[in-house]
Amino acid sequence: MWPEYTLAALAAPAAVVALELVALRTGLLRRGRFWAAIALVLAFQVPVDGWLTMRSAPIVSYDDRFTSGIRVPFDIPVEDFGFGFALAALTLFLWERNRRLSRAGRAGPAAVTAAVSRTTRRPTTRRPRGSRQTPPVHR
C-alpha cells in the first residue's frame, strides 16, 4: 500500500496538469519560459526545504509511515517536489489564464479590481475647463 502523503504528492501535479490540458489551456507546458520558471522555483526550494527538513536538526519533520521514505538531496522528502511543482505550476497557469481573460475584456480578478478602483475614487473639486469662478463679494 502506498503512503497517503506519497499518493497526494503524485495526485497534485497530475491534477494540475490535467486542469491545464482540459480546462485552462494556456499552452504554458510547451513553453521554455514555463520550465525555466519551474527550474527557478526548484533552485530556491532545494536549499530552503533542505534546511527545513534536515534530519540532524529538523524544523519540519515527517512521519515516515506516511511518506515513501525517499529523501534527496539534503534529506528532502521526494514528495515535496511534487507539491512544489503543483503549487508553482497552478499559480502560473491561473496567472496566464487571468491575463488572457483581462486582455480579452472578460471580467477576471484583475478587471474586477480595476472596475472597483474606478468606482471608489474620491470626487475631485476641480471645475470643468473654461468655467470661471466669480470672486466672493464682501460687503
N, C-alpha and C. Protein backbone atom coordinates (compact mmCIF):
# COMPACT_ATOMS: atom_id res chain seq x y z
N MET A 1 0.84 -1.19 0.00
CA MET A 1 0.00 0.00 0.00
C MET A 1 0.89 1.26 0.00
N TRP A 2 0.48 2.23 -0.79
CA TRP A 2 1.23 3.49 -0.88
C TRP A 2 0.87 4.40 0.29
N PRO A 3 1.87 5.07 0.86
CA PRO A 3 1.59 6.02 1.94
C PRO A 3 0.74 7.19 1.43
N GLU A 4 -0.09 7.72 2.31
CA GLU A 4 -1.04 8.78 1.95
C GLU A 4 -0.36 10.03 1.38
N TYR A 5 0.69 10.47 2.03
CA TYR A 5 1.37 11.69 1.59
C TYR A 5 1.98 11.49 0.20
N THR A 6 2.49 10.30 -0.04
CA THR A 6 3.06 9.98 -1.36
C THR A 6 1.98 9.98 -2.43
N LEU A 7 0.82 9.40 -2.13
CA LEU A 7 -0.28 9.41 -3.10
C LEU A 7 -0.73 10.83 -3.41
N ALA A 8 -0.83 11.65 -2.38
CA ALA A 8 -1.24 13.05 -2.60
C ALA A 8 -0.18 13.80 -3.41
N ALA A 9 1.10 13.50 -3.16
CA ALA A 9 2.18 14.17 -3.89
C ALA A 9 2.22 13.75 -5.35
N LEU A 10 1.71 12.59 -5.66
CA LEU A 10 1.60 12.16 -7.06
C LEU A 10 0.33 12.71 -7.70
N ALA A 11 -0.74 12.79 -6.93
CA ALA A 11 -2.03 13.25 -7.45
C ALA A 11 -2.04 14.77 -7.71
N ALA A 12 -1.38 15.54 -6.88
CA ALA A 12 -1.41 17.00 -7.02
C ALA A 12 -0.86 17.48 -8.37
N PRO A 13 0.35 17.07 -8.76
CA PRO A 13 0.84 17.52 -10.07
C PRO A 13 0.00 16.96 -11.22
N ALA A 14 -0.47 15.72 -11.08
CA ALA A 14 -1.30 15.13 -12.14
C ALA A 14 -2.60 15.92 -12.30
N ALA A 15 -3.20 16.32 -11.19
CA ALA A 15 -4.44 17.09 -11.23
C ALA A 15 -4.22 18.47 -11.85
N VAL A 16 -3.11 19.10 -11.51
CA VAL A 16 -2.81 20.44 -12.05
C VAL A 16 -2.56 20.36 -13.56
N VAL A 17 -1.80 19.37 -13.99
CA VAL A 17 -1.53 19.21 -15.43
C VAL A 17 -2.84 18.88 -16.16
N ALA A 18 -3.68 18.03 -15.58
CA ALA A 18 -4.97 17.71 -16.20
C ALA A 18 -5.84 18.96 -16.31
N LEU A 19 -5.86 19.78 -15.26
CA LEU A 19 -6.63 21.03 -15.31
C LEU A 19 -6.14 21.92 -16.43
N GLU A 20 -4.83 22.01 -16.59
CA GLU A 20 -4.25 22.81 -17.67
C GLU A 20 -4.66 22.27 -19.03
N LEU A 21 -4.55 20.98 -19.22
CA LEU A 21 -4.82 20.38 -20.53
C LEU A 21 -6.31 20.38 -20.89
N VAL A 22 -7.18 20.25 -19.90
CA VAL A 22 -8.61 20.11 -20.16
C VAL A 22 -9.36 21.45 -20.09
N ALA A 23 -9.04 22.26 -19.09
CA ALA A 23 -9.86 23.46 -18.86
C ALA A 23 -9.13 24.77 -19.14
N LEU A 24 -7.96 24.97 -18.58
CA LEU A 24 -7.30 26.27 -18.70
C LEU A 24 -6.71 26.50 -20.08
N ARG A 25 -6.02 25.53 -20.61
CA ARG A 25 -5.46 25.55 -21.97
C ARG A 25 -4.63 26.80 -22.27
N THR A 26 -3.68 27.08 -21.39
CA THR A 26 -2.83 28.25 -21.60
C THR A 26 -1.67 27.95 -22.54
N GLY A 27 -1.33 26.68 -22.69
CA GLY A 27 -0.21 26.30 -23.54
C GLY A 27 1.15 26.46 -22.89
N LEU A 28 1.17 26.77 -21.60
CA LEU A 28 2.45 27.02 -20.93
C LEU A 28 3.34 25.78 -20.87
N LEU A 29 2.76 24.59 -20.86
CA LEU A 29 3.57 23.38 -20.78
C LEU A 29 4.51 23.23 -21.98
N ARG A 30 4.18 23.89 -23.08
CA ARG A 30 5.02 23.82 -24.28
C ARG A 30 6.03 24.95 -24.37
N ARG A 31 6.08 25.81 -23.39
CA ARG A 31 6.96 26.97 -23.44
C ARG A 31 8.20 26.78 -22.56
N GLY A 32 9.31 27.16 -23.10
CA GLY A 32 10.57 27.08 -22.36
C GLY A 32 10.58 27.99 -21.15
N ARG A 33 9.91 29.14 -21.24
CA ARG A 33 9.87 30.07 -20.11
C ARG A 33 9.16 29.46 -18.91
N PHE A 34 8.15 28.64 -19.16
CA PHE A 34 7.46 27.96 -18.06
C PHE A 34 8.44 27.05 -17.33
N TRP A 35 9.16 26.24 -18.09
CA TRP A 35 10.09 25.29 -17.48
C TRP A 35 11.26 26.01 -16.83
N ALA A 36 11.65 27.16 -17.35
CA ALA A 36 12.69 27.96 -16.71
C ALA A 36 12.19 28.48 -15.36
N ALA A 37 10.93 28.88 -15.30
CA ALA A 37 10.34 29.35 -14.04
C ALA A 37 10.27 28.21 -13.03
N ILE A 38 9.90 27.02 -13.49
CA ILE A 38 9.85 25.86 -12.60
C ILE A 38 11.26 25.55 -12.08
N ALA A 39 12.26 25.65 -12.94
CA ALA A 39 13.65 25.42 -12.52
C ALA A 39 14.08 26.45 -11.48
N LEU A 40 13.65 27.69 -11.66
CA LEU A 40 13.97 28.74 -10.70
C LEU A 40 13.34 28.44 -9.35
N VAL A 41 12.09 28.00 -9.36
CA VAL A 41 11.42 27.62 -8.11
C VAL A 41 12.20 26.49 -7.44
N LEU A 42 12.59 25.51 -8.22
CA LEU A 42 13.35 24.37 -7.70
C LEU A 42 14.69 24.81 -7.12
N ALA A 43 15.34 25.76 -7.78
CA ALA A 43 16.63 26.25 -7.31
C ALA A 43 16.53 26.88 -5.92
N PHE A 44 15.40 27.49 -5.62
CA PHE A 44 15.20 28.06 -4.29
C PHE A 44 14.60 27.04 -3.33
N GLN A 45 13.81 26.12 -3.85
CA GLN A 45 13.17 25.13 -3.00
C GLN A 45 14.19 24.20 -2.35
N VAL A 46 15.20 23.78 -3.10
CA VAL A 46 16.17 22.81 -2.58
C VAL A 46 16.90 23.33 -1.34
N PRO A 47 17.53 24.50 -1.36
CA PRO A 47 18.23 24.91 -0.14
C PRO A 47 17.29 25.21 1.03
N VAL A 48 16.15 25.82 0.74
CA VAL A 48 15.22 26.16 1.83
C VAL A 48 14.59 24.90 2.41
N ASP A 49 14.08 24.04 1.54
CA ASP A 49 13.46 22.80 2.00
C ASP A 49 14.49 21.89 2.67
N GLY A 50 15.71 21.87 2.15
CA GLY A 50 16.78 21.08 2.77
C GLY A 50 17.08 21.57 4.18
N TRP A 51 17.10 22.87 4.37
CA TRP A 51 17.34 23.45 5.70
C TRP A 51 16.19 23.13 6.64
N LEU A 52 14.96 23.19 6.13
CA LEU A 52 13.78 22.94 6.98
C LEU A 52 13.65 21.47 7.39
N THR A 53 14.10 20.55 6.54
CA THR A 53 13.84 19.14 6.78
C THR A 53 15.07 18.31 7.13
N MET A 54 16.24 18.95 7.28
CA MET A 54 17.45 18.17 7.56
C MET A 54 17.25 17.33 8.83
N ARG A 55 17.63 16.09 8.74
CA ARG A 55 17.39 15.16 9.85
C ARG A 55 18.20 15.49 11.10
N SER A 56 19.33 16.18 10.95
CA SER A 56 20.16 16.48 12.11
C SER A 56 19.49 17.48 13.05
N ALA A 57 18.72 18.43 12.51
CA ALA A 57 18.01 19.42 13.33
C ALA A 57 16.78 19.89 12.56
N PRO A 58 15.76 19.04 12.42
CA PRO A 58 14.62 19.42 11.57
C PRO A 58 13.74 20.50 12.20
N ILE A 59 13.33 21.41 11.36
CA ILE A 59 12.32 22.39 11.75
C ILE A 59 10.95 21.81 11.42
N VAL A 60 10.89 21.10 10.28
CA VAL A 60 9.68 20.38 9.86
C VAL A 60 10.03 18.90 9.83
N SER A 61 9.25 18.10 10.49
CA SER A 61 9.52 16.66 10.48
C SER A 61 8.34 15.91 9.88
N TYR A 62 8.64 14.78 9.25
CA TYR A 62 7.64 13.96 8.60
C TYR A 62 7.61 12.59 9.28
N ASP A 63 6.43 12.07 9.44
CA ASP A 63 6.28 10.71 9.95
C ASP A 63 6.50 9.76 8.78
N ASP A 64 7.55 8.95 8.86
CA ASP A 64 7.91 8.08 7.74
C ASP A 64 6.83 7.05 7.40
N ARG A 65 5.86 6.86 8.28
CA ARG A 65 4.76 5.94 7.95
C ARG A 65 3.88 6.49 6.83
N PHE A 66 3.91 7.81 6.63
CA PHE A 66 3.03 8.44 5.64
C PHE A 66 3.76 8.88 4.38
N THR A 67 5.06 8.69 4.33
CA THR A 67 5.84 9.06 3.15
C THR A 67 6.52 7.83 2.58
N SER A 68 7.13 8.01 1.42
CA SER A 68 7.84 6.89 0.80
C SER A 68 9.15 6.59 1.50
N GLY A 69 9.66 7.56 2.25
CA GLY A 69 10.94 7.39 2.92
C GLY A 69 12.13 7.80 2.06
N ILE A 70 11.87 8.14 0.80
CA ILE A 70 12.94 8.57 -0.10
C ILE A 70 13.21 10.05 0.15
N ARG A 71 14.48 10.35 0.42
CA ARG A 71 14.87 11.74 0.71
C ARG A 71 16.09 12.09 -0.13
N VAL A 72 15.90 13.04 -1.05
CA VAL A 72 17.00 13.51 -1.90
C VAL A 72 16.82 14.99 -2.19
N PRO A 73 17.76 15.75 -2.46
CA PRO A 73 19.02 15.85 -1.73
C PRO A 73 18.78 16.52 -0.39
N PHE A 74 19.76 16.60 0.44
CA PHE A 74 19.70 17.27 1.75
C PHE A 74 18.53 16.80 2.61
N ASP A 75 18.21 15.54 2.57
CA ASP A 75 17.14 14.97 3.39
C ASP A 75 15.74 15.50 3.06
N ILE A 76 15.54 16.00 1.84
CA ILE A 76 14.22 16.50 1.44
C ILE A 76 13.36 15.31 1.02
N PRO A 77 12.17 15.17 1.61
CA PRO A 77 11.27 14.10 1.15
C PRO A 77 10.92 14.32 -0.32
N VAL A 78 11.01 13.30 -1.11
CA VAL A 78 10.78 13.42 -2.55
C VAL A 78 9.36 13.95 -2.83
N GLU A 79 8.44 13.70 -1.94
CA GLU A 79 7.06 14.18 -2.12
C GLU A 79 6.98 15.70 -2.18
N ASP A 80 7.88 16.39 -1.50
CA ASP A 80 7.85 17.86 -1.51
C ASP A 80 8.02 18.44 -2.90
N PHE A 81 8.74 17.72 -3.76
CA PHE A 81 8.94 18.22 -5.13
C PHE A 81 7.64 18.14 -5.93
N GLY A 82 6.83 17.13 -5.69
CA GLY A 82 5.53 17.04 -6.36
C GLY A 82 4.61 18.18 -5.96
N PHE A 83 4.56 18.44 -4.65
CA PHE A 83 3.73 19.54 -4.17
C PHE A 83 4.27 20.89 -4.62
N GLY A 84 5.60 21.04 -4.65
CA GLY A 84 6.20 22.29 -5.12
C GLY A 84 5.87 22.56 -6.58
N PHE A 85 5.97 21.52 -7.41
CA PHE A 85 5.62 21.68 -8.82
C PHE A 85 4.16 22.06 -8.97
N ALA A 86 3.28 21.35 -8.26
CA ALA A 86 1.84 21.61 -8.37
C ALA A 86 1.51 23.04 -7.97
N LEU A 87 2.10 23.52 -6.89
CA LEU A 87 1.84 24.87 -6.41
C LEU A 87 2.32 25.92 -7.42
N ALA A 88 3.56 25.79 -7.87
CA ALA A 88 4.11 26.78 -8.81
C ALA A 88 3.40 26.72 -10.15
N ALA A 89 3.15 25.53 -10.66
CA ALA A 89 2.50 25.39 -11.97
C ALA A 89 1.08 25.93 -11.94
N LEU A 90 0.32 25.59 -10.91
CA LEU A 90 -1.06 26.09 -10.83
C LEU A 90 -1.09 27.61 -10.77
N THR A 91 -0.18 28.18 -10.01
CA THR A 91 -0.10 29.64 -9.93
C THR A 91 0.17 30.25 -11.30
N LEU A 92 1.13 29.70 -12.03
CA LEU A 92 1.46 30.23 -13.35
C LEU A 92 0.32 30.02 -14.34
N PHE A 93 -0.34 28.87 -14.30
CA PHE A 93 -1.46 28.61 -15.21
C PHE A 93 -2.60 29.60 -14.96
N LEU A 94 -2.95 29.80 -13.69
CA LEU A 94 -4.05 30.72 -13.37
C LEU A 94 -3.68 32.16 -13.69
N TRP A 95 -2.44 32.52 -13.46
CA TRP A 95 -1.98 33.87 -13.77
C TRP A 95 -2.10 34.13 -15.27
N GLU A 96 -1.63 33.19 -16.06
CA GLU A 96 -1.70 33.34 -17.52
C GLU A 96 -3.15 33.37 -18.00
N ARG A 97 -3.97 32.52 -17.44
CA ARG A 97 -5.39 32.49 -17.83
C ARG A 97 -6.06 33.83 -17.51
N ASN A 98 -5.79 34.36 -16.32
CA ASN A 98 -6.37 35.65 -15.93
C ASN A 98 -5.87 36.77 -16.84
N ARG A 99 -4.59 36.73 -17.20
CA ARG A 99 -4.03 37.75 -18.09
C ARG A 99 -4.74 37.74 -19.44
N ARG A 100 -4.96 36.56 -19.96
CA ARG A 100 -5.64 36.45 -21.25
C ARG A 100 -7.09 36.89 -21.17
N LEU A 101 -7.78 36.53 -20.10
CA LEU A 101 -9.17 36.96 -19.94
C LEU A 101 -9.26 38.48 -19.80
N SER A 102 -8.33 39.07 -19.08
CA SER A 102 -8.33 40.52 -18.90
C SER A 102 -8.07 41.23 -20.21
N ARG A 103 -7.16 40.71 -21.02
CA ARG A 103 -6.89 41.31 -22.33
C ARG A 103 -8.07 41.17 -23.27
N ALA A 104 -8.81 40.09 -23.12
CA ALA A 104 -9.96 39.86 -24.00
C ALA A 104 -11.18 40.67 -23.55
N GLY A 105 -11.06 41.36 -22.41
CA GLY A 105 -12.16 42.19 -21.94
C GLY A 105 -13.15 41.45 -21.06
N ARG A 106 -12.86 40.23 -20.73
CA ARG A 106 -13.75 39.49 -19.84
C ARG A 106 -13.40 39.85 -18.41
N ALA A 107 -14.37 39.78 -17.54
CA ALA A 107 -14.15 40.17 -16.15
C ALA A 107 -13.46 39.08 -15.37
N GLY A 108 -12.14 39.17 -15.29
CA GLY A 108 -11.37 38.31 -14.41
C GLY A 108 -11.06 39.10 -13.16
N PRO A 109 -10.32 38.55 -12.22
CA PRO A 109 -10.00 39.27 -10.99
C PRO A 109 -9.32 40.61 -11.23
N ALA A 110 -8.44 40.71 -12.22
CA ALA A 110 -7.77 41.98 -12.49
C ALA A 110 -8.76 43.01 -13.01
N ALA A 111 -9.68 42.59 -13.87
CA ALA A 111 -10.67 43.52 -14.40
C ALA A 111 -11.63 43.98 -13.30
N VAL A 112 -11.99 43.08 -12.41
CA VAL A 112 -12.89 43.44 -11.30
C VAL A 112 -12.19 44.44 -10.39
N THR A 113 -10.93 44.20 -10.08
CA THR A 113 -10.17 45.13 -9.23
C THR A 113 -10.10 46.50 -9.86
N ALA A 114 -9.85 46.57 -11.16
CA ALA A 114 -9.76 47.86 -11.85
C ALA A 114 -11.12 48.57 -11.83
N ALA A 115 -12.20 47.82 -12.04
CA ALA A 115 -13.53 48.42 -12.04
C ALA A 115 -13.89 48.96 -10.67
N VAL A 116 -13.55 48.25 -9.62
CA VAL A 116 -13.84 48.70 -8.26
C VAL A 116 -13.05 49.95 -7.95
N SER A 117 -11.78 49.99 -8.34
CA SER A 117 -10.97 51.17 -8.03
C SER A 117 -11.48 52.40 -8.79
N ARG A 118 -12.06 52.20 -9.98
CA ARG A 118 -12.61 53.34 -10.73
C ARG A 118 -13.85 53.89 -10.04
N THR A 119 -14.63 53.03 -9.42
CA THR A 119 -15.88 53.50 -8.81
C THR A 119 -15.70 53.99 -7.39
N THR A 120 -14.56 53.75 -6.79
CA THR A 120 -14.37 54.18 -5.40
C THR A 120 -13.43 55.36 -5.27
N ARG A 121 -13.11 56.01 -6.38
CA ARG A 121 -12.25 57.20 -6.30
C ARG A 121 -13.01 58.34 -5.65
N ARG A 122 -12.26 59.17 -4.95
CA ARG A 122 -12.88 60.35 -4.35
C ARG A 122 -13.20 61.37 -5.44
N PRO A 123 -14.32 62.04 -5.32
CA PRO A 123 -14.64 63.05 -6.33
C PRO A 123 -13.66 64.21 -6.25
N THR A 124 -13.38 64.77 -7.39
CA THR A 124 -12.47 65.92 -7.42
C THR A 124 -13.26 67.19 -7.20
N THR A 125 -12.57 68.23 -6.77
CA THR A 125 -13.23 69.52 -6.54
C THR A 125 -12.92 70.50 -7.65
N ARG A 126 -12.27 70.04 -8.70
CA ARG A 126 -11.94 70.93 -9.81
C ARG A 126 -13.19 71.27 -10.61
N ARG A 127 -13.14 72.48 -11.13
CA ARG A 127 -14.21 72.89 -12.02
C ARG A 127 -13.87 72.49 -13.44
N PRO A 128 -14.85 72.28 -14.27
CA PRO A 128 -14.58 71.98 -15.67
C PRO A 128 -13.81 73.10 -16.33
N ARG A 129 -13.04 72.76 -17.36
CA ARG A 129 -12.28 73.77 -18.09
C ARG A 129 -13.21 74.82 -18.67
N GLY A 130 -12.71 76.03 -18.63
CA GLY A 130 -13.47 77.12 -19.23
C GLY A 130 -14.46 77.75 -18.27
N SER A 131 -14.73 77.14 -17.16
CA SER A 131 -15.68 77.76 -16.23
C SER A 131 -14.93 78.79 -15.39
N ARG A 132 -15.62 79.83 -15.07
CA ARG A 132 -14.98 80.88 -14.28
C ARG A 132 -15.63 80.94 -12.92
N GLN A 133 -14.79 81.25 -11.98
CA GLN A 133 -15.32 81.42 -10.65
C GLN A 133 -15.41 82.91 -10.39
N THR A 134 -16.53 83.33 -9.91
CA THR A 134 -16.67 84.74 -9.58
C THR A 134 -16.09 84.96 -8.19
N PRO A 135 -15.34 86.00 -8.05
CA PRO A 135 -14.76 86.25 -6.74
C PRO A 135 -15.84 86.55 -5.71
N PRO A 136 -15.62 86.17 -4.49
CA PRO A 136 -16.64 86.44 -3.47
C PRO A 136 -16.79 87.94 -3.26
N VAL A 137 -17.99 88.32 -3.01
CA VAL A 137 -18.29 89.73 -2.82
C VAL A 137 -18.36 89.97 -1.31
N HIS A 138 -17.54 90.92 -0.86
CA HIS A 138 -17.55 91.27 0.57
C HIS A 138 -18.21 92.61 0.73
N ARG A 139 -19.17 92.71 1.54
CA ARG A 139 -19.86 93.99 1.78
C ARG A 139 -19.76 94.41 3.18
